[in-house]
Amino acid sequence: MAHTLSATCLAIALADARGTLTLTERIDRWGGTFIAIGDTHGTIEIADDMEAANKRVTDLRNRAAA
């Protein structure tokens, strides 16, 4: 089975490796919140909540370790 890597996966993994990865809670236009997964260049991807953001990062770390 082929393994693929998207540009966002790569950007998150590189930010994590460089120590510049941030998970920032932000308020959306309707007053709810979301988590911006980003680095020094800005937002890479968004997640619905902190649990989903942490899972995304953990999953990428596990893929890199495999």
PDB file of N, CA and C in Angstrom:
ATOM      1  N   MET A   1       0.841  -1.178   0.000  1.00  0.00           N
ATOM      2  CA  MET A   1       0.000   0.000   0.000  1.00  0.00           C
ATOM      3  C   MET A   1       0.889   1.246   0.000  1.00  0.00           C
ATOM      4  N   ALA A   2       0.596   2.166  -0.870  1.00  0.00           N
ATOM      5  CA  ALA A   2       1.377   3.396  -0.964  1.00  0.00           C
ATOM      6  C   ALA A   2       0.980   4.372   0.139  1.00  0.00           C
ATOM      7  N   HIS A   3       1.962   5.041   0.669  1.00  0.00           N
ATOM      8  CA  HIS A   3       1.706   6.073   1.669  1.00  0.00           C
ATOM      9  C   HIS A   3       1.796   7.429   0.982  1.00  0.00           C
ATOM     10  N   THR A   4       0.834   8.271   1.262  1.00  0.00           N
ATOM     11  CA  THR A   4       0.838   9.600   0.670  1.00  0.00           C
ATOM     12  C   THR A   4       1.019  10.646   1.764  1.00  0.00           C
ATOM     13  N   LEU A   5       1.456  11.814   1.363  1.00  0.00           N
ATOM     14  CA  LEU A   5       1.684  12.914   2.290  1.00  0.00           C
ATOM     15  C   LEU A   5       1.200  14.191   1.617  1.00  0.00           C
ATOM     16  N   SER A   6       0.235  14.844   2.232  1.00  0.00           N
ATOM     17  CA  SER A   6      -0.284  16.089   1.655  1.00  0.00           C
ATOM     18  C   SER A   6       0.622  17.260   2.033  1.00  0.00           C
ATOM     19  N   ALA A   7       0.417  18.362   1.374  1.00  0.00           N
ATOM     20  CA  ALA A   7       1.194  19.567   1.672  1.00  0.00           C
ATOM     21  C   ALA A   7       0.935  20.044   3.105  1.00  0.00           C
ATOM     22  N   THR A   8      -0.301  19.908   3.575  1.00  0.00           N
ATOM     23  CA  THR A   8      -0.586  20.335   4.953  1.00  0.00           C
ATOM     24  C   THR A   8       0.062  19.393   5.958  1.00  0.00           C
ATOM     25  N   CYS A   9       0.071  18.091   5.654  1.00  0.00           N
ATOM     26  CA  CYS A   9       0.773  17.144   6.545  1.00  0.00           C
ATOM     27  C   CYS A   9       2.248  17.528   6.650  1.00  0.00           C
ATOM     28  N   LEU A  10       2.848  17.802   5.514  1.00  0.00           N
ATOM     29  CA  LEU A  10       4.266  18.164   5.491  1.00  0.00           C
ATOM     30  C   LEU A  10       4.512  19.468   6.254  1.00  0.00           C
ATOM     31  N   ALA A  11       3.664  20.458   6.048  1.00  0.00           N
ATOM     32  CA  ALA A  11       3.842  21.749   6.726  1.00  0.00           C
ATOM     33  C   ALA A  11       3.716  21.593   8.242  1.00  0.00           C
ATOM     34  N   ILE A  12       2.749  20.810   8.699  1.00  0.00           N
ATOM     35  CA  ILE A  12       2.587  20.583  10.140  1.00  0.00           C
ATOM     36  C   ILE A  12       3.785  19.823  10.691  1.00  0.00           C
ATOM     37  N   ALA A  13       4.222  18.780   9.988  1.00  0.00           N
ATOM     38  CA  ALA A  13       5.367  17.985  10.436  1.00  0.00           C
ATOM     39  C   ALA A  13       6.645  18.828  10.512  1.00  0.00           C
ATOM     40  N   LEU A  14       6.864  19.679   9.510  1.00  0.00           N
ATOM     41  CA  LEU A  14       8.056  20.540   9.522  1.00  0.00           C
ATOM     42  C   LEU A  14       7.999  21.559  10.661  1.00  0.00           C
ATOM     43  N   ALA A  15       6.829  22.151  10.881  1.00  0.00           N
ATOM     44  CA  ALA A  15       6.686  23.105  11.988  1.00  0.00           C
ATOM     45  C   ALA A  15       6.916  22.415  13.321  1.00  0.00           C
ATOM     46  N   ASP A  16       6.416  21.198  13.449  1.00  0.00           N
ATOM     47  CA  ASP A  16       6.617  20.427  14.679  1.00  0.00           C
ATOM     48  C   ASP A  16       8.102  20.148  14.893  1.00  0.00           C
ATOM     49  N   ALA A  17       8.783  19.714  13.841  1.00  0.00           N
ATOM     50  CA  ALA A  17      10.213  19.410  13.938  1.00  0.00           C
ATOM     51  C   ALA A  17      11.043  20.650  14.249  1.00  0.00           C
ATOM     52  N   ARG A  18      10.619  21.790  13.743  1.00  0.00           N
ATOM     53  CA  ARG A  18      11.356  23.046  13.962  1.00  0.00           C
ATOM     54  C   ARG A  18      11.012  23.718  15.288  1.00  0.00           C
ATOM     55  N   GLY A  19       9.975  23.202  15.952  1.00  0.00           N
ATOM     56  CA  GLY A  19       9.562  23.799  17.223  1.00  0.00           C
ATOM     57  C   GLY A  19       8.733  25.060  17.066  1.00  0.00           C
ATOM     58  N   THR A  20       8.157  25.268  15.894  1.00  0.00           N
ATOM     59  CA  THR A  20       7.361  26.478  15.649  1.00  0.00           C
ATOM     60  C   THR A  20       5.868  26.191  15.543  1.00  0.00           C
ATOM     61  N   LEU A  21       5.466  24.956  15.810  1.00  0.00           N
ATOM     62  CA  LEU A  21       4.058  24.569  15.701  1.00  0.00           C
ATOM     63  C   LEU A  21       3.249  25.213  16.817  1.00  0.00           C
ATOM     64  N   THR A  22       2.100  25.786  16.443  1.00  0.00           N
ATOM     65  CA  THR A  22       1.210  26.382  17.438  1.00  0.00           C
ATOM     66  C   THR A  22      -0.205  25.857  17.239  1.00  0.00           C
ATOM     67  N   LEU A  23      -0.908  25.716  18.345  1.00  0.00           N
ATOM     68  CA  LEU A  23      -2.323  25.352  18.344  1.00  0.00           C
ATOM     69  C   LEU A  23      -3.027  26.467  19.092  1.00  0.00           C
ATOM     70  N   THR A  24      -3.745  27.313  18.360  1.00  0.00           N
ATOM     71  CA  THR A  24      -4.330  28.516  18.926  1.00  0.00           C
ATOM     72  C   THR A  24      -5.840  28.492  18.811  1.00  0.00           C
ATOM     73  N   GLU A  25      -6.522  28.657  19.960  1.00  0.00           N
ATOM     74  CA  GLU A  25      -7.976  28.728  19.934  1.00  0.00           C
ATOM     75  C   GLU A  25      -8.396  30.105  19.434  1.00  0.00           C
ATOM     76  N   ARG A  26      -9.298  30.122  18.468  1.00  0.00           N
ATOM     77  CA  ARG A  26      -9.785  31.382  17.905  1.00  0.00           C
ATOM     78  C   ARG A  26     -11.306  31.386  17.902  1.00  0.00           C
ATOM     79  N   ILE A  27     -11.865  32.572  17.843  1.00  0.00           N
ATOM     80  CA  ILE A  27     -13.319  32.731  17.816  1.00  0.00           C
ATOM     81  C   ILE A  27     -13.762  32.933  16.368  1.00  0.00           C
ATOM     82  N   ASP A  28     -14.770  32.149  15.962  1.00  0.00           N
ATOM     83  CA  ASP A  28     -15.271  32.301  14.594  1.00  0.00           C
ATOM     84  C   ASP A  28     -16.322  33.403  14.529  1.00  0.00           C
ATOM     85  N   ARG A  29     -16.830  33.668  13.371  1.00  0.00           N
ATOM     86  CA  ARG A  29     -17.755  34.792  13.176  1.00  0.00           C
ATOM     87  C   ARG A  29     -19.098  34.607  13.866  1.00  0.00           C
ATOM     88  N   TRP A  30     -19.425  33.394  14.279  1.00  0.00           N
ATOM     89  CA  TRP A  30     -20.689  33.134  14.961  1.00  0.00           C
ATOM     90  C   TRP A  30     -20.538  33.015  16.473  1.00  0.00           C
ATOM     91  N   GLY A  31     -19.340  33.291  16.981  1.00  0.00           N
ATOM     92  CA  GLY A  31     -19.094  33.248  18.412  1.00  0.00           C
ATOM     93  C   GLY A  31     -18.607  31.912  18.936  1.00  0.00           C
ATOM     94  N   GLY A  32     -18.512  30.918  18.072  1.00  0.00           N
ATOM     95  CA  GLY A  32     -17.951  29.624  18.464  1.00  0.00           C
ATOM     96  C   GLY A  32     -16.436  29.683  18.405  1.00  0.00           C
ATOM     97  N   THR A  33     -15.797  28.562  18.640  1.00  0.00           N
ATOM     98  CA  THR A  33     -14.337  28.530  18.583  1.00  0.00           C
ATOM     99  C   THR A  33     -13.857  27.417  17.655  1.00  0.00           C
ATOM    100  N   PHE A  34     -12.629  27.566  17.210  1.00  0.00           N
ATOM    101  CA  PHE A  34     -11.934  26.537  16.446  1.00  0.00           C
ATOM    102  C   PHE A  34     -10.464  26.642  16.808  1.00  0.00           C
ATOM    103  N   ILE A  35      -9.690  25.656  16.414  1.00  0.00           N
ATOM    104  CA  ILE A  35      -8.259  25.650  16.699  1.00  0.00           C
ATOM    105  C   ILE A  35      -7.498  25.864  15.396  1.00  0.00           C
ATOM    106  N   ALA A  36      -6.657  26.881  15.370  1.00  0.00           N
ATOM    107  CA  ALA A  36      -5.792  27.147  14.219  1.00  0.00           C
ATOM    108  C   ALA A  36      -4.472  26.418  14.452  1.00  0.00           C
ATOM    109  N   ILE A  37      -4.158  25.482  13.579  1.00  0.00           N
ATOM    110  CA  ILE A  37      -2.872  24.780  13.615  1.00  0.00           C
ATOM    111  C   ILE A  37      -1.958  25.582  12.704  1.00  0.00           C
ATOM    112  N   GLY A  38      -0.901  26.147  13.262  1.00  0.00           N
ATOM    113  CA  GLY A  38      -0.070  27.027  12.462  1.00  0.00           C
ATOM    114  C   GLY A  38       1.392  27.010  12.846  1.00  0.00           C
ATOM    115  N   ASP A  39       2.121  27.927  12.247  1.00  0.00           N
ATOM    116  CA  ASP A  39       3.532  28.127  12.539  1.00  0.00           C
ATOM    117  C   ASP A  39       3.842  29.611  12.377  1.00  0.00           C
ATOM    118  N   THR A  40       5.101  29.965  12.248  1.00  0.00           N
ATOM    119  CA  THR A  40       5.485  31.370  12.146  1.00  0.00           C
ATOM    120  C   THR A  40       4.988  32.036  10.877  1.00  0.00           C
ATOM    121  N   HIS A  41       4.593  31.248   9.888  1.00  0.00           N
ATOM    122  CA  HIS A  41       4.107  31.802   8.629  1.00  0.00           C
ATOM    123  C   HIS A  41       2.600  32.005   8.618  1.00  0.00           C
ATOM    124  N   GLY A  42       1.889  31.435   9.591  1.00  0.00           N
ATOM    125  CA  GLY A  42       0.440  31.597   9.651  1.00  0.00           C
ATOM    126  C   GLY A  42      -0.278  30.281   9.850  1.00  0.00           C
ATOM    127  N   THR A  43      -1.566  30.287   9.585  1.00  0.00           N
ATOM    128  CA  THR A  43      -2.402  29.110   9.766  1.00  0.00           C
ATOM    129  C   THR A  43      -2.150  28.102   8.650  1.00  0.00           C
ATOM    130  N   ILE A  44      -1.969  26.851   9.053  1.00  0.00           N
ATOM    131  CA  ILE A  44      -1.772  25.754   8.104  1.00  0.00           C
ATOM    132  C   ILE A  44      -3.098  25.036   7.871  1.00  0.00           C
ATOM    133  N   GLU A  45      -3.813  24.807   8.956  1.00  0.00           N
ATOM    134  CA  GLU A  45      -5.038  24.023   8.903  1.00  0.00           C
ATOM    135  C   GLU A  45      -5.858  24.364  10.138  1.00  0.00           C
ATOM    136  N   ILE A  46      -7.150  24.097  10.096  1.00  0.00           N
ATOM    137  CA  ILE A  46      -7.959  24.319  11.282  1.00  0.00           C
ATOM    138  C   ILE A  46      -8.581  23.003  11.743  1.00  0.00           C
ATOM    139  N   ALA A  47      -8.870  22.948  13.032  1.00  0.00           N
ATOM    140  CA  ALA A  47      -9.530  21.788  13.631  1.00  0.00           C
ATOM    141  C   ALA A  47     -10.737  22.287  14.409  1.00  0.00           C
ATOM    142  N   ASP A  48     -11.710  21.417  14.575  1.00  0.00           N
ATOM    143  CA  ASP A  48     -12.934  21.805  15.280  1.00  0.00           C
ATOM    144  C   ASP A  48     -12.692  22.125  16.754  1.00  0.00           C
ATOM    145  N   ASP A  49     -11.798  21.369  17.386  1.00  0.00           N
ATOM    146  CA  ASP A  49     -11.525  21.577  18.815  1.00  0.00           C
ATOM    147  C   ASP A  49     -10.102  21.138  19.125  1.00  0.00           C
ATOM    148  N   MET A  50      -9.666  21.379  20.380  1.00  0.00           N
ATOM    149  CA  MET A  50      -8.292  21.072  20.764  1.00  0.00           C
ATOM    150  C   MET A  50      -8.017  19.572  20.708  1.00  0.00           C
ATOM    151  N   GLU A  51      -9.005  18.769  21.038  1.00  0.00           N
ATOM    152  CA  GLU A  51      -8.831  17.315  20.976  1.00  0.00           C
ATOM    153  C   GLU A  51      -8.514  16.870  19.552  1.00  0.00           C
ATOM    154  N   ALA A  52      -9.234  17.397  18.577  1.00  0.00           N
ATOM    155  CA  ALA A  52      -8.996  17.056  17.175  1.00  0.00           C
ATOM    156  C   ALA A  52      -7.633  17.568  16.702  1.00  0.00           C
ATOM    157  N   ALA A  53      -7.240  18.752  17.145  1.00  0.00           N
ATOM    158  CA  ALA A  53      -5.943  19.313  16.760  1.00  0.00           C
ATOM    159  C   ALA A  53      -4.807  18.472  17.322  1.00  0.00           C
ATOM    160  N   ASN A  54      -4.913  18.108  18.590  1.00  0.00           N
ATOM    161  CA  ASN A  54      -3.882  17.265  19.207  1.00  0.00           C
ATOM    162  C   ASN A  54      -3.821  15.894  18.545  1.00  0.00           C
ATOM    163  N   LYS A  55      -4.969  15.339  18.183  1.00  0.00           N
ATOM    164  CA  LYS A  55      -4.993  14.042  17.497  1.00  0.00           C
ATOM    165  C   LYS A  55      -4.308  14.146  16.145  1.00  0.00           C
ATOM    166  N   ARG A  56      -4.549  15.234  15.423  1.00  0.00           N
ATOM    167  CA  ARG A  56      -3.921  15.437  14.113  1.00  0.00           C
ATOM    168  C   ARG A  56      -2.403  15.443  14.235  1.00  0.00           C
ATOM    169  N   VAL A  57      -1.893  16.185  15.218  1.00  0.00           N
ATOM    170  CA  VAL A  57      -0.443  16.275  15.420  1.00  0.00           C
ATOM    171  C   VAL A  57       0.113  14.920  15.874  1.00  0.00           C
ATOM    172  N   THR A  58      -0.568  14.268  16.798  1.00  0.00           N
ATOM    173  CA  THR A  58      -0.119  12.961  17.287  1.00  0.00           C
ATOM    174  C   THR A  58      -0.094  11.937  16.163  1.00  0.00           C
ATOM    175  N   ASP A  59      -1.118  11.918  15.323  1.00  0.00           N
ATOM    176  CA  ASP A  59      -1.163  10.993  14.195  1.00  0.00           C
ATOM    177  C   ASP A  59       0.006  11.213  13.250  1.00  0.00           C
ATOM    178  N   LEU A  60       0.336  12.475  12.989  1.00  0.00           N
ATOM    179  CA  LEU A  60       1.485  12.769  12.119  1.00  0.00           C
ATOM    180  C   LEU A  60       2.794  12.331  12.756  1.00  0.00           C
ATOM    181  N   ARG A  61       2.936  12.542  14.062  1.00  0.00           N
ATOM    182  CA  ARG A  61       4.152  12.091  14.759  1.00  0.00           C
ATOM    183  C   ARG A  61       4.268  10.581  14.691  1.00  0.00           C
ATOM    184  N   ASN A  62       3.159   9.880  14.857  1.00  0.00           N
ATOM    185  CA  ASN A  62       3.181   8.419  14.793  1.00  0.00           C
ATOM    186  C   ASN A  62       3.527   7.929  13.394  1.00  0.00           C
ATOM    187  N   ARG A  63       2.998   8.603  12.360  1.00  0.00           N
ATOM    188  CA  ARG A  63       3.340   8.228  10.980  1.00  0.00           C
ATOM    189  C   ARG A  63       4.825   8.431  10.707  1.00  0.00           C
ATOM    190  N   ALA A  64       5.375   9.511  11.246  1.00  0.00           N
ATOM    191  CA  ALA A  64       6.800   9.804  11.026  1.00  0.00           C
ATOM    192  C   ALA A  64       7.687   8.785  11.730  1.00  0.00           C
ATOM    193  N   ALA A  65       7.217   8.276  12.869  1.00  0.00           N
ATOM    194  CA  ALA A  65       8.004   7.328  13.646  1.00  0.00           C
ATOM    195  C   ALA A  65       7.952   5.913  13.068  1.00  0.00           C
ATOM    196  N   ALA A  66       6.956   5.656  12.230  1.00  0.00           N
ATOM    197  CA  ALA A  66       6.770   4.289  11.677  1.00  0.00           C
ATOM    198  C   ALA A  66       7.734   3.979  10.567  1.00  0.00           C
TER     199      ALA A  66
END
